[in-house]
Amino acid sequence: MNNAETTTSKPEFSAAAQEELETIFSRYPDRRSAMLMVLHLAQREFGYISPGVEELVAEVMERPVTEIHGVVTFYTMYNTKPVGKYHIQLCRNISCWIKNAPGLLEYLKSRLGIDVGQTTSDGKFTLSEVECLAHCENAPTMQINDDIICDLTKEKIDRLIDELK
């Protein structure tokens, strides 16, 4: 993973990412329809979507940077600053809220020693709240990177964090 903010040169997609871009574009008759997929690729490639990465995506999408920025800032799934190795996202929607998501959020904050939007000093964990992870039937739910964890309890949180440390 490249860090787009620490380099003085313009970010560039790797050869493998460029191949993936071509595959993505081949699936969509209009490049604009591929925007979310391209942004996911960019985030995977660079770790987060910096202003320089927004410019790169605008270039490959053949769209204005303001349009890319609007999409990046609309969706919570795109990170606009570096996140920890493990990005913990806790659902705050109604089903999770009813099943104690606020209490679990307080527990996570205490356990990690950080607040929402912060990263632990060792760079391992970033804590975020998200509107919905679409697993209401198994609330409360959180996501760690790409993995969804349902039916959360303090004990389950402890096990997961201990395993990741």
C-alpha atoms as a PDB file:
ATOM      1  CA  MET A   1       0.000   0.000   0.000  1.00  0.00           C
ATOM      2  CA  ASN A   2       1.419   3.374  -1.005  1.00  0.00           C
ATOM      3  CA  ASN A   3       0.961   6.417   1.189  1.00  0.00           C
ATOM      4  CA  ALA A   4      -0.294   9.178  -1.089  1.00  0.00           C
ATOM      5  CA  GLU A   5       0.324  11.951   1.442  1.00  0.00           C
ATOM      6  CA  THR A   6       3.992  11.344   2.180  1.00  0.00           C
ATOM      7  CA  THR A   7       5.239  11.492  -1.375  1.00  0.00           C
ATOM      8  CA  THR A   8       5.936  14.741  -3.164  1.00  0.00           C
ATOM      9  CA  SER A   9       5.270  13.197  -6.545  1.00  0.00           C
ATOM     10  CA  LYS A  10       1.823  12.719  -7.988  1.00  0.00           C
ATOM     11  CA  PRO A  11       0.330   9.341  -6.981  1.00  0.00           C
ATOM     12  CA  GLU A  12       0.156   6.748  -9.717  1.00  0.00           C
ATOM     13  CA  PHE A  13      -1.614   3.423  -9.935  1.00  0.00           C
ATOM     14  CA  SER A  14       0.620   0.351  -9.933  1.00  0.00           C
ATOM     15  CA  ALA A  15       0.742  -1.815 -13.057  1.00  0.00           C
ATOM     16  CA  ALA A  16      -1.557  -4.347 -11.372  1.00  0.00           C
ATOM     17  CA  ALA A  17      -4.058  -1.614 -10.471  1.00  0.00           C
ATOM     18  CA  GLN A  18      -3.945  -0.263 -14.024  1.00  0.00           C
ATOM     19  CA  GLU A  19      -4.842  -3.721 -15.305  1.00  0.00           C
ATOM     20  CA  GLU A  20      -7.710  -3.869 -12.816  1.00  0.00           C
ATOM     21  CA  LEU A  21      -8.859  -0.430 -14.002  1.00  0.00           C
ATOM     22  CA  GLU A  22      -9.110  -1.715 -17.560  1.00  0.00           C
ATOM     23  CA  THR A  23     -11.141  -4.692 -16.360  1.00  0.00           C
ATOM     24  CA  ILE A  24     -13.458  -2.378 -14.406  1.00  0.00           C
ATOM     25  CA  PHE A  25     -13.921  -0.037 -17.372  1.00  0.00           C
ATOM     26  CA  SER A  26     -14.666  -2.964 -19.680  1.00  0.00           C
ATOM     27  CA  ARG A  27     -17.718  -3.810 -17.534  1.00  0.00           C
ATOM     28  CA  TYR A  28     -19.335  -0.400 -17.851  1.00  0.00           C
ATOM     29  CA  PRO A  29     -20.374   1.281 -21.116  1.00  0.00           C
ATOM     30  CA  ASP A  30     -20.100   4.693 -19.410  1.00  0.00           C
ATOM     31  CA  ARG A  31     -17.013   5.348 -17.243  1.00  0.00           C
ATOM     32  CA  ARG A  32     -19.092   7.348 -14.773  1.00  0.00           C
ATOM     33  CA  SER A  33     -20.862   4.139 -13.786  1.00  0.00           C
ATOM     34  CA  ALA A  34     -17.525   2.702 -12.663  1.00  0.00           C
ATOM     35  CA  MET A  35     -16.738   5.495 -10.221  1.00  0.00           C
ATOM     36  CA  LEU A  36     -17.429   3.612  -6.970  1.00  0.00           C
ATOM     37  CA  MET A  37     -15.386   0.626  -8.142  1.00  0.00           C
ATOM     38  CA  VAL A  38     -12.486   2.884  -9.170  1.00  0.00           C
ATOM     39  CA  LEU A  39     -12.591   4.658  -5.816  1.00  0.00           C
ATOM     40  CA  HIS A  40     -12.523   1.300  -4.003  1.00  0.00           C
ATOM     41  CA  LEU A  41      -9.484   0.333  -6.074  1.00  0.00           C
ATOM     42  CA  ALA A  42      -7.813   3.664  -5.300  1.00  0.00           C
ATOM     43  CA  GLN A  43      -8.441   3.276  -1.582  1.00  0.00           C
ATOM     44  CA  ARG A  44      -7.033  -0.248  -1.646  1.00  0.00           C
ATOM     45  CA  GLU A  45      -4.017   0.978  -3.605  1.00  0.00           C
ATOM     46  CA  PHE A  46      -3.209   4.093  -1.548  1.00  0.00           C
ATOM     47  CA  GLY A  47      -4.863   3.408   1.809  1.00  0.00           C
ATOM     48  CA  TYR A  48      -7.143   6.440   1.651  1.00  0.00           C
ATOM     49  CA  ILE A  49      -8.382   9.037  -0.805  1.00  0.00           C
ATOM     50  CA  SER A  50      -6.153  12.110  -0.480  1.00  0.00           C
ATOM     51  CA  PRO A  51      -6.605  15.201  -2.661  1.00  0.00           C
ATOM     52  CA  GLY A  52      -3.820  13.857  -4.911  1.00  0.00           C
ATOM     53  CA  VAL A  53      -5.631  10.540  -5.276  1.00  0.00           C
ATOM     54  CA  GLU A  54      -8.857  12.421  -6.067  1.00  0.00           C
ATOM     55  CA  GLU A  55      -6.965  14.154  -8.900  1.00  0.00           C
ATOM     56  CA  LEU A  56      -5.656  10.818 -10.182  1.00  0.00           C
ATOM     57  CA  VAL A  57      -9.134   9.276 -10.122  1.00  0.00           C
ATOM     58  CA  ALA A  58     -10.554  12.350 -11.884  1.00  0.00           C
ATOM     59  CA  GLU A  59      -7.936  11.909 -14.601  1.00  0.00           C
ATOM     60  CA  VAL A  60      -8.638   8.218 -15.209  1.00  0.00           C
ATOM     61  CA  MET A  61     -12.400   8.749 -14.939  1.00  0.00           C
ATOM     62  CA  GLU A  62     -12.248  11.759 -17.265  1.00  0.00           C
ATOM     63  CA  ARG A  63     -14.375  13.714 -14.776  1.00  0.00           C
ATOM     64  CA  PRO A  64     -13.882  16.961 -12.832  1.00  0.00           C
ATOM     65  CA  VAL A  65     -12.074  16.678  -9.495  1.00  0.00           C
ATOM     66  CA  THR A  66     -15.046  18.358  -7.814  1.00  0.00           C
ATOM     67  CA  GLU A  67     -17.267  15.467  -8.899  1.00  0.00           C
ATOM     68  CA  ILE A  68     -14.839  12.905  -7.472  1.00  0.00           C
ATOM     69  CA  HIS A  69     -14.550  14.892  -4.238  1.00  0.00           C
ATOM     70  CA  GLY A  70     -18.335  15.053  -3.948  1.00  0.00           C
ATOM     71  CA  VAL A  71     -18.610  11.272  -4.173  1.00  0.00           C
ATOM     72  CA  VAL A  72     -15.711  10.665  -1.769  1.00  0.00           C
ATOM     73  CA  THR A  73     -17.157  12.979   0.871  1.00  0.00           C
ATOM     74  CA  PHE A  74     -20.727  11.725   0.444  1.00  0.00           C
ATOM     75  CA  TYR A  75     -19.984   8.068   1.214  1.00  0.00           C
ATOM     76  CA  THR A  76     -18.576   7.053   4.606  1.00  0.00           C
ATOM     77  CA  MET A  77     -16.851   4.032   3.056  1.00  0.00           C
ATOM     78  CA  TYR A  78     -14.091   6.236   1.619  1.00  0.00           C
ATOM     79  CA  ASN A  79     -11.383   7.400   3.991  1.00  0.00           C
ATOM     80  CA  THR A  80     -10.031  10.905   3.424  1.00  0.00           C
ATOM     81  CA  LYS A  81      -7.193  10.480   5.898  1.00  0.00           C
ATOM     82  CA  PRO A  82      -5.013   7.542   6.903  1.00  0.00           C
ATOM     83  CA  VAL A  83      -6.638   4.885   9.063  1.00  0.00           C
ATOM     84  CA  GLY A  84      -5.118   2.229  11.267  1.00  0.00           C
ATOM     85  CA  LYS A  85      -4.218  -1.252  10.143  1.00  0.00           C
ATOM     86  CA  TYR A  86      -7.630  -2.321  11.476  1.00  0.00           C
ATOM     87  CA  HIS A  87     -10.491   0.049  10.755  1.00  0.00           C
ATOM     88  CA  ILE A  88     -13.312  -0.697  13.187  1.00  0.00           C
ATOM     89  CA  GLN A  89     -16.679   0.648  12.052  1.00  0.00           C
ATOM     90  CA  LEU A  90     -19.594   0.296  14.436  1.00  0.00           C
ATOM     91  CA  CYS A  91     -23.131   0.574  13.097  1.00  0.00           C
ATOM     92  CA  ARG A  92     -25.233   3.246  14.779  1.00  0.00           C
ATOM     93  CA  ASN A  93     -28.517   2.642  12.975  1.00  0.00           C
ATOM     94  CA  ILE A  94     -31.768   1.853  14.786  1.00  0.00           C
ATOM     95  CA  SER A  95     -31.494  -1.961  15.010  1.00  0.00           C
ATOM     96  CA  CYS A  96     -27.981  -1.785  16.400  1.00  0.00           C
ATOM     97  CA  TRP A  97     -28.877   1.153  18.627  1.00  0.00           C
ATOM     98  CA  ILE A  98     -31.752  -0.783  20.181  1.00  0.00           C
ATOM     99  CA  LYS A  99     -29.370  -3.681  20.855  1.00  0.00           C
ATOM    100  CA  ASN A 100     -26.835  -1.532  22.771  1.00  0.00           C
ATOM    101  CA  ALA A 101     -24.542  -0.145  20.063  1.00  0.00           C
ATOM    102  CA  PRO A 102     -24.079   3.069  22.120  1.00  0.00           C
ATOM    103  CA  GLY A 103     -22.871   1.038  25.100  1.00  0.00           C
ATOM    104  CA  LEU A 104     -20.579  -1.029  22.891  1.00  0.00           C
ATOM    105  CA  LEU A 105     -19.197   2.152  21.332  1.00  0.00           C
ATOM    106  CA  GLU A 106     -18.322   3.470  24.790  1.00  0.00           C
ATOM    107  CA  TYR A 107     -16.726   0.111  25.578  1.00  0.00           C
ATOM    108  CA  LEU A 108     -14.656   0.205  22.368  1.00  0.00           C
ATOM    109  CA  LYS A 109     -13.535   3.770  23.083  1.00  0.00           C
ATOM    110  CA  SER A 110     -12.449   2.763  26.568  1.00  0.00           C
ATOM    111  CA  ARG A 111     -10.795  -0.482  25.457  1.00  0.00           C
ATOM    112  CA  LEU A 112      -8.855   1.212  22.647  1.00  0.00           C
ATOM    113  CA  GLY A 113      -8.189   4.474  24.485  1.00  0.00           C
ATOM    114  CA  ILE A 114      -9.424   6.566  21.538  1.00  0.00           C
ATOM    115  CA  ASP A 115     -12.511   8.441  20.447  1.00  0.00           C
ATOM    116  CA  VAL A 116     -14.496   8.090  17.231  1.00  0.00           C
ATOM    117  CA  GLY A 117     -12.387   9.290  14.303  1.00  0.00           C
ATOM    118  CA  GLN A 118      -9.101   8.622  16.075  1.00  0.00           C
ATOM    119  CA  THR A 119      -6.356   6.057  15.606  1.00  0.00           C
ATOM    120  CA  THR A 120      -4.425   4.338  18.394  1.00  0.00           C
ATOM    121  CA  SER A 121      -0.873   5.602  18.926  1.00  0.00           C
ATOM    122  CA  ASP A 122       0.552   2.337  17.548  1.00  0.00           C
ATOM    123  CA  GLY A 123      -1.394   2.854  14.309  1.00  0.00           C
ATOM    124  CA  LYS A 124      -3.271  -0.428  14.660  1.00  0.00           C
ATOM    125  CA  PHE A 125      -6.878   0.630  15.241  1.00  0.00           C
ATOM    126  CA  THR A 126      -9.106   3.418  13.934  1.00  0.00           C
ATOM    127  CA  LEU A 127     -12.628   3.729  15.322  1.00  0.00           C
ATOM    128  CA  SER A 128     -15.562   5.011  13.262  1.00  0.00           C
ATOM    129  CA  GLU A 129     -19.337   5.026  13.420  1.00  0.00           C
ATOM    130  CA  VAL A 130     -21.298   4.236  10.271  1.00  0.00           C
ATOM    131  CA  GLU A 131     -24.952   4.638   9.465  1.00  0.00           C
ATOM    132  CA  CYS A 132     -25.796   1.047   8.475  1.00  0.00           C
ATOM    133  CA  LEU A 133     -23.935  -2.175   7.735  1.00  0.00           C
ATOM    134  CA  ALA A 134     -27.089  -3.939   6.486  1.00  0.00           C
ATOM    135  CA  HIS A 135     -27.076  -6.791   8.999  1.00  0.00           C
ATOM    136  CA  CYS A 136     -29.991  -5.587  11.099  1.00  0.00           C
ATOM    137  CA  GLU A 137     -31.197  -9.116  11.804  1.00  0.00           C
ATOM    138  CA  ASN A 138     -27.924  -9.805  13.627  1.00  0.00           C
ATOM    139  CA  ALA A 139     -27.517  -6.498  15.436  1.00  0.00           C
ATOM    140  CA  PRO A 140     -25.403  -5.076  16.870  1.00  0.00           C
ATOM    141  CA  THR A 141     -22.882  -5.181  14.050  1.00  0.00           C
ATOM    142  CA  MET A 142     -19.445  -3.815  13.303  1.00  0.00           C
ATOM    143  CA  GLN A 143     -17.006  -4.139  10.454  1.00  0.00           C
ATOM    144  CA  ILE A 144     -13.256  -4.556  10.773  1.00  0.00           C
ATOM    145  CA  ASN A 145     -11.676  -3.769   7.419  1.00  0.00           C
ATOM    146  CA  ASP A 146     -13.748  -5.950   5.058  1.00  0.00           C
ATOM    147  CA  ASP A 147     -15.061  -8.394   7.681  1.00  0.00           C
ATOM    148  CA  ILE A 148     -18.555  -8.041   9.165  1.00  0.00           C
ATOM    149  CA  ILE A 149     -18.997  -9.130  12.775  1.00  0.00           C
ATOM    150  CA  CYS A 150     -22.547  -9.584  14.059  1.00  0.00           C
ATOM    151  CA  ASP A 151     -24.248 -10.239  17.397  1.00  0.00           C
ATOM    152  CA  LEU A 152     -21.633  -8.145  19.200  1.00  0.00           C
ATOM    153  CA  THR A 153     -20.959  -8.431  22.888  1.00  0.00           C
ATOM    154  CA  LYS A 154     -18.165  -6.987  25.028  1.00  0.00           C
ATOM    155  CA  GLU A 155     -16.671 -10.477  25.224  1.00  0.00           C
ATOM    156  CA  LYS A 156     -16.672 -10.846  21.430  1.00  0.00           C
ATOM    157  CA  ILE A 157     -15.063  -7.409  21.070  1.00  0.00           C
ATOM    158  CA  ASP A 158     -12.364  -8.392  23.582  1.00  0.00           C
ATOM    159  CA  ARG A 159     -11.587 -11.614  21.695  1.00  0.00           C
ATOM    160  CA  LEU A 160     -11.365  -9.813  18.350  1.00  0.00           C
ATOM    161  CA  ILE A 161      -9.108  -7.038  19.624  1.00  0.00           C
ATOM    162  CA  ASP A 162      -6.860  -9.506  21.451  1.00  0.00           C
ATOM    163  CA  GLU A 163      -6.514 -11.573  18.264  1.00  0.00           C
ATOM    164  CA  LEU A 164      -5.619  -8.506  16.194  1.00  0.00           C
ATOM    165  CA  LYS A 165      -3.037  -7.036  18.626  1.00  0.00           C
END
